[in-house]
Amino acid sequence: MRWAAGLCLLLICGALSRADARRTAGTSVFVKRYAAHYNVPPELIAAFIDVESRWNPRAVSNKGAVGLMQLMPATAERFGARDPFDPEQNIAAGTRYLTTLMWEFHGDMRLVAAAYYAGDRWVAKKQLGYRNPDVVAYVESVRRRYQQRMWSAASLPGGQP
């Protein structure tokens, strides 16, 4: 029975990888470029994009976040994205922001993901004491996608970010 669950997981992850490959065709080069430049795993950047916009460069949230990495206008400007709908500028700025959060929270990915979603000041004040179910669900979604992408990159030749 366990092998059946593992087979299902393999099939689901494989299907996700093929679908992701179609959506990411033109932008994965930017993910790889800025991941290497800022020393951030490309799978992590891709996981944030998966959760934030599902690889839609024209995505706009109900709170005003825009582009692939769903940057708020002030964050986009702060990290150098003049046109946050431009995939390269959005990924560059989003990766700079992730790098800043990784420094601020000493690499604790739970806090990094929570701060990316809810804001670094709020998370810095609360640390792991946050109880907002939306934040907890977001952190779990990013963690799950990151793990899937890491598994896929390790098990498939030429794994896609």
C-alpha atoms as a PDB file:
ATOM      1  CA  MET A   1       0.000   0.000   0.000  1.00  0.00           C
ATOM      2  CA  ARG A   2       2.852   2.426   0.779  1.00  0.00           C
ATOM      3  CA  TRP A   3       4.332   1.907  -2.677  1.00  0.00           C
ATOM      4  CA  ALA A   4       0.986   2.976  -4.188  1.00  0.00           C
ATOM      5  CA  ALA A   5       1.076   6.247  -2.245  1.00  0.00           C
ATOM      6  CA  GLY A   6       4.656   6.793  -3.391  1.00  0.00           C
ATOM      7  CA  LEU A   7       3.675   6.076  -6.990  1.00  0.00           C
ATOM      8  CA  CYS A   8       0.807   8.568  -6.740  1.00  0.00           C
ATOM      9  CA  LEU A   9       3.187  11.197  -5.369  1.00  0.00           C
ATOM     10  CA  LEU A  10       5.640  10.477  -8.189  1.00  0.00           C
ATOM     11  CA  LEU A  11       2.907  10.837 -10.805  1.00  0.00           C
ATOM     12  CA  ILE A  12       1.548  14.038  -9.260  1.00  0.00           C
ATOM     13  CA  CYS A  13       5.021  15.598  -8.991  1.00  0.00           C
ATOM     14  CA  GLY A  14       5.816  14.557 -12.560  1.00  0.00           C
ATOM     15  CA  ALA A  15       2.612  16.155 -13.815  1.00  0.00           C
ATOM     16  CA  LEU A  16       3.357  19.305 -11.871  1.00  0.00           C
ATOM     17  CA  SER A  17       6.847  19.428 -13.348  1.00  0.00           C
ATOM     18  CA  ARG A  18       5.547  19.150 -16.924  1.00  0.00           C
ATOM     19  CA  ALA A  19       2.900  21.821 -16.331  1.00  0.00           C
ATOM     20  CA  ASP A  20       5.479  24.067 -14.645  1.00  0.00           C
ATOM     21  CA  ALA A  21       7.858  23.588 -17.557  1.00  0.00           C
ATOM     22  CA  ARG A  22       5.237  24.856 -19.999  1.00  0.00           C
ATOM     23  CA  ARG A  23       4.431  27.924 -17.875  1.00  0.00           C
ATOM     24  CA  THR A  24       8.046  28.754 -17.064  1.00  0.00           C
ATOM     25  CA  ALA A  25       9.543  28.329 -20.532  1.00  0.00           C
ATOM     26  CA  GLY A  26      10.547  31.982 -21.042  1.00  0.00           C
ATOM     27  CA  THR A  27      11.255  32.988 -17.459  1.00  0.00           C
ATOM     28  CA  SER A  28      13.290  30.119 -16.003  1.00  0.00           C
ATOM     29  CA  VAL A  29      16.457  31.699 -17.411  1.00  0.00           C
ATOM     30  CA  PHE A  30      15.829  34.737 -15.165  1.00  0.00           C
ATOM     31  CA  VAL A  31      15.208  32.504 -12.148  1.00  0.00           C
ATOM     32  CA  LYS A  32      18.511  30.718 -12.757  1.00  0.00           C
ATOM     33  CA  ARG A  33      20.408  33.974 -13.399  1.00  0.00           C
ATOM     34  CA  TYR A  34      19.268  35.748 -10.229  1.00  0.00           C
ATOM     35  CA  ALA A  35      19.441  32.589  -8.116  1.00  0.00           C
ATOM     36  CA  ALA A  36      23.104  32.253  -9.039  1.00  0.00           C
ATOM     37  CA  HIS A  37      23.783  35.973  -8.569  1.00  0.00           C
ATOM     38  CA  TYR A  38      22.228  36.133  -5.087  1.00  0.00           C
ATOM     39  CA  ASN A  39      23.148  32.575  -4.060  1.00  0.00           C
ATOM     40  CA  VAL A  40      19.524  31.536  -3.550  1.00  0.00           C
ATOM     41  CA  PRO A  41      18.291  28.094  -4.624  1.00  0.00           C
ATOM     42  CA  PRO A  42      16.420  28.458  -7.928  1.00  0.00           C
ATOM     43  CA  GLU A  43      13.867  25.960  -6.618  1.00  0.00           C
ATOM     44  CA  LEU A  44      13.061  28.374  -3.785  1.00  0.00           C
ATOM     45  CA  ILE A  45      12.460  31.292  -6.135  1.00  0.00           C
ATOM     46  CA  ALA A  46      10.328  29.045  -8.344  1.00  0.00           C
ATOM     47  CA  ALA A  47       8.358  27.839  -5.305  1.00  0.00           C
ATOM     48  CA  PHE A  48       7.496  31.427  -4.389  1.00  0.00           C
ATOM     49  CA  ILE A  49       6.416  32.107  -7.983  1.00  0.00           C
ATOM     50  CA  ASP A  50       4.323  28.906  -7.977  1.00  0.00           C
ATOM     51  CA  VAL A  51       2.447  30.031  -4.880  1.00  0.00           C
ATOM     52  CA  GLU A  52       2.308  33.767  -5.602  1.00  0.00           C
ATOM     53  CA  SER A  53       1.223  33.925  -9.252  1.00  0.00           C
ATOM     54  CA  ARG A  54       1.277  30.431 -10.764  1.00  0.00           C
ATOM     55  CA  TRP A  55       3.742  31.889 -13.309  1.00  0.00           C
ATOM     56  CA  ASN A  56       1.366  34.593 -14.545  1.00  0.00           C
ATOM     57  CA  PRO A  57       3.485  37.725 -15.190  1.00  0.00           C
ATOM     58  CA  ARG A  58       0.302  39.865 -15.408  1.00  0.00           C
ATOM     59  CA  ALA A  59      -1.113  38.689 -12.048  1.00  0.00           C
ATOM     60  CA  VAL A  60      -2.516  41.361  -9.739  1.00  0.00           C
ATOM     61  CA  SER A  61      -3.708  40.548  -6.223  1.00  0.00           C
ATOM     62  CA  ASN A  62      -6.675  42.142  -4.508  1.00  0.00           C
ATOM     63  CA  LYS A  63      -4.160  43.995  -2.292  1.00  0.00           C
ATOM     64  CA  GLY A  64      -2.216  45.419  -5.237  1.00  0.00           C
ATOM     65  CA  ALA A  65       0.751  43.041  -5.470  1.00  0.00           C
ATOM     66  CA  VAL A  66       1.831  42.521  -9.080  1.00  0.00           C
ATOM     67  CA  GLY A  67       3.775  40.225 -11.377  1.00  0.00           C
ATOM     68  CA  LEU A  68       5.326  36.809 -11.037  1.00  0.00           C
ATOM     69  CA  MET A  69       6.567  37.286  -7.483  1.00  0.00           C
ATOM     70  CA  GLN A  70       3.589  39.455  -6.478  1.00  0.00           C
ATOM     71  CA  LEU A  71       5.542  42.495  -5.331  1.00  0.00           C
ATOM     72  CA  MET A  72       3.766  45.363  -3.650  1.00  0.00           C
ATOM     73  CA  PRO A  73       4.514  48.642  -5.482  1.00  0.00           C
ATOM     74  CA  ALA A  74       6.715  50.001  -2.682  1.00  0.00           C
ATOM     75  CA  THR A  75       8.675  46.736  -2.486  1.00  0.00           C
ATOM     76  CA  ALA A  76       9.090  46.632  -6.265  1.00  0.00           C
ATOM     77  CA  GLU A  77      10.430  50.186  -6.237  1.00  0.00           C
ATOM     78  CA  ARG A  78      12.649  49.564  -3.197  1.00  0.00           C
ATOM     79  CA  PHE A  79      14.312  46.609  -4.923  1.00  0.00           C
ATOM     80  CA  GLY A  80      14.668  48.209  -8.343  1.00  0.00           C
ATOM     81  CA  ALA A  81      11.733  47.008 -10.448  1.00  0.00           C
ATOM     82  CA  ARG A  82      10.605  50.026 -12.476  1.00  0.00           C
ATOM     83  CA  ASP A  83       8.154  47.825 -14.382  1.00  0.00           C
ATOM     84  CA  PRO A  84       7.080  45.059 -11.977  1.00  0.00           C
ATOM     85  CA  PHE A  85       5.107  43.358 -14.764  1.00  0.00           C
ATOM     86  CA  ASP A  86       8.357  42.750 -16.646  1.00  0.00           C
ATOM     87  CA  PRO A  87       9.327  39.164 -15.721  1.00  0.00           C
ATOM     88  CA  GLU A  88      13.063  39.854 -15.468  1.00  0.00           C
ATOM     89  CA  GLN A  89      12.657  42.978 -13.318  1.00  0.00           C
ATOM     90  CA  ASN A  90      10.086  41.247 -11.120  1.00  0.00           C
ATOM     91  CA  ILE A  91      12.245  38.158 -10.546  1.00  0.00           C
ATOM     92  CA  ALA A  92      15.346  40.291  -9.940  1.00  0.00           C
ATOM     93  CA  ALA A  93      13.558  42.486  -7.383  1.00  0.00           C
ATOM     94  CA  GLY A  94      11.755  39.546  -5.763  1.00  0.00           C
ATOM     95  CA  THR A  95      15.016  37.634  -5.410  1.00  0.00           C
ATOM     96  CA  ARG A  96      16.733  40.694  -3.899  1.00  0.00           C
ATOM     97  CA  TYR A  97      13.850  40.915  -1.426  1.00  0.00           C
ATOM     98  CA  LEU A  98      14.101  37.191  -0.579  1.00  0.00           C
ATOM     99  CA  THR A  99      17.852  37.593  -0.046  1.00  0.00           C
ATOM    100  CA  THR A 100      17.256  40.514   2.306  1.00  0.00           C
ATOM    101  CA  LEU A 101      14.702  38.463   4.256  1.00  0.00           C
ATOM    102  CA  MET A 102      17.100  35.520   4.435  1.00  0.00           C
ATOM    103  CA  TRP A 103      19.730  37.785   6.000  1.00  0.00           C
ATOM    104  CA  GLU A 104      17.217  39.397   8.346  1.00  0.00           C
ATOM    105  CA  PHE A 105      15.823  36.084   9.583  1.00  0.00           C
ATOM    106  CA  HIS A 106      19.153  34.189   9.565  1.00  0.00           C
ATOM    107  CA  GLY A 107      17.976  31.693   6.933  1.00  0.00           C
ATOM    108  CA  ASP A 108      14.908  30.508   8.873  1.00  0.00           C
ATOM    109  CA  MET A 109      12.724  29.725   5.882  1.00  0.00           C
ATOM    110  CA  ARG A 110       9.523  29.706   7.926  1.00  0.00           C
ATOM    111  CA  LEU A 111      10.138  33.310   8.918  1.00  0.00           C
ATOM    112  CA  VAL A 112      11.339  34.258   5.429  1.00  0.00           C
ATOM    113  CA  ALA A 113       8.142  32.920   3.841  1.00  0.00           C
ATOM    114  CA  ALA A 114       5.948  34.481   6.535  1.00  0.00           C
ATOM    115  CA  ALA A 115       7.676  37.847   6.088  1.00  0.00           C
ATOM    116  CA  TYR A 116       7.369  37.671   2.304  1.00  0.00           C
ATOM    117  CA  TYR A 117       3.626  37.176   2.735  1.00  0.00           C
ATOM    118  CA  ALA A 118       2.804  39.342   5.746  1.00  0.00           C
ATOM    119  CA  GLY A 119       5.617  41.880   5.855  1.00  0.00           C
ATOM    120  CA  ASP A 120       8.996  41.769   7.530  1.00  0.00           C
ATOM    121  CA  ARG A 121       8.185  44.221  10.329  1.00  0.00           C
ATOM    122  CA  TRP A 122       5.184  42.198  11.482  1.00  0.00           C
ATOM    123  CA  VAL A 123       7.075  38.902  11.410  1.00  0.00           C
ATOM    124  CA  ALA A 124      10.175  40.397  13.057  1.00  0.00           C
ATOM    125  CA  LYS A 125       7.980  41.541  15.932  1.00  0.00           C
ATOM    126  CA  LYS A 126       6.073  38.247  16.273  1.00  0.00           C
ATOM    127  CA  GLN A 127       8.874  35.813  15.264  1.00  0.00           C
ATOM    128  CA  LEU A 128       7.377  32.315  15.415  1.00  0.00           C
ATOM    129  CA  GLY A 129       4.474  33.488  17.551  1.00  0.00           C
ATOM    130  CA  TYR A 130       2.319  34.268  14.525  1.00  0.00           C
ATOM    131  CA  ARG A 131      -1.109  32.642  14.617  1.00  0.00           C
ATOM    132  CA  ASN A 132      -2.731  33.998  11.487  1.00  0.00           C
ATOM    133  CA  PRO A 133      -4.062  30.929   9.633  1.00  0.00           C
ATOM    134  CA  ASP A 134      -3.476  32.591   6.238  1.00  0.00           C
ATOM    135  CA  VAL A 135       0.208  33.107   7.056  1.00  0.00           C
ATOM    136  CA  VAL A 136       0.584  29.556   8.354  1.00  0.00           C
ATOM    137  CA  ALA A 137      -1.104  28.145   5.224  1.00  0.00           C
ATOM    138  CA  TYR A 138       1.116  30.300   2.973  1.00  0.00           C
ATOM    139  CA  VAL A 139       4.317  29.173   4.707  1.00  0.00           C
ATOM    140  CA  GLU A 140       3.218  25.547   4.335  1.00  0.00           C
ATOM    141  CA  SER A 141       2.398  26.042   0.634  1.00  0.00           C
ATOM    142  CA  VAL A 142       5.822  27.520  -0.093  1.00  0.00           C
ATOM    143  CA  ARG A 143       7.525  24.768   1.907  1.00  0.00           C
ATOM    144  CA  ARG A 144       5.614  22.048   0.072  1.00  0.00           C
ATOM    145  CA  ARG A 145       6.361  23.501  -3.394  1.00  0.00           C
ATOM    146  CA  TYR A 146      10.016  24.008  -2.499  1.00  0.00           C
ATOM    147  CA  GLN A 147      10.319  20.390  -1.366  1.00  0.00           C
ATOM    148  CA  GLN A 148       8.590  19.152  -4.524  1.00  0.00           C
ATOM    149  CA  ARG A 149      10.912  21.196  -6.692  1.00  0.00           C
ATOM    150  CA  MET A 150      14.013  20.069  -4.792  1.00  0.00           C
ATOM    151  CA  TRP A 151      12.919  16.450  -5.107  1.00  0.00           C
ATOM    152  CA  SER A 152      12.222  16.892  -8.803  1.00  0.00           C
ATOM    153  CA  ALA A 153      15.565  18.626  -9.445  1.00  0.00           C
ATOM    154  CA  ALA A 154      17.439  15.882  -7.601  1.00  0.00           C
ATOM    155  CA  SER A 155      15.657  12.956  -9.250  1.00  0.00           C
ATOM    156  CA  LEU A 156      15.232  14.140 -12.835  1.00  0.00           C
ATOM    157  CA  PRO A 157      18.135  14.880 -15.161  1.00  0.00           C
ATOM    158  CA  GLY A 158      18.191  18.575 -15.965  1.00  0.00           C
ATOM    159  CA  GLY A 159      15.547  19.341 -13.309  1.00  0.00           C
ATOM    160  CA  GLN A 160      13.663  22.574 -13.996  1.00  0.00           C
ATOM    161  CA  PRO A 161      13.600  25.344 -11.342  1.00  0.00           C
END
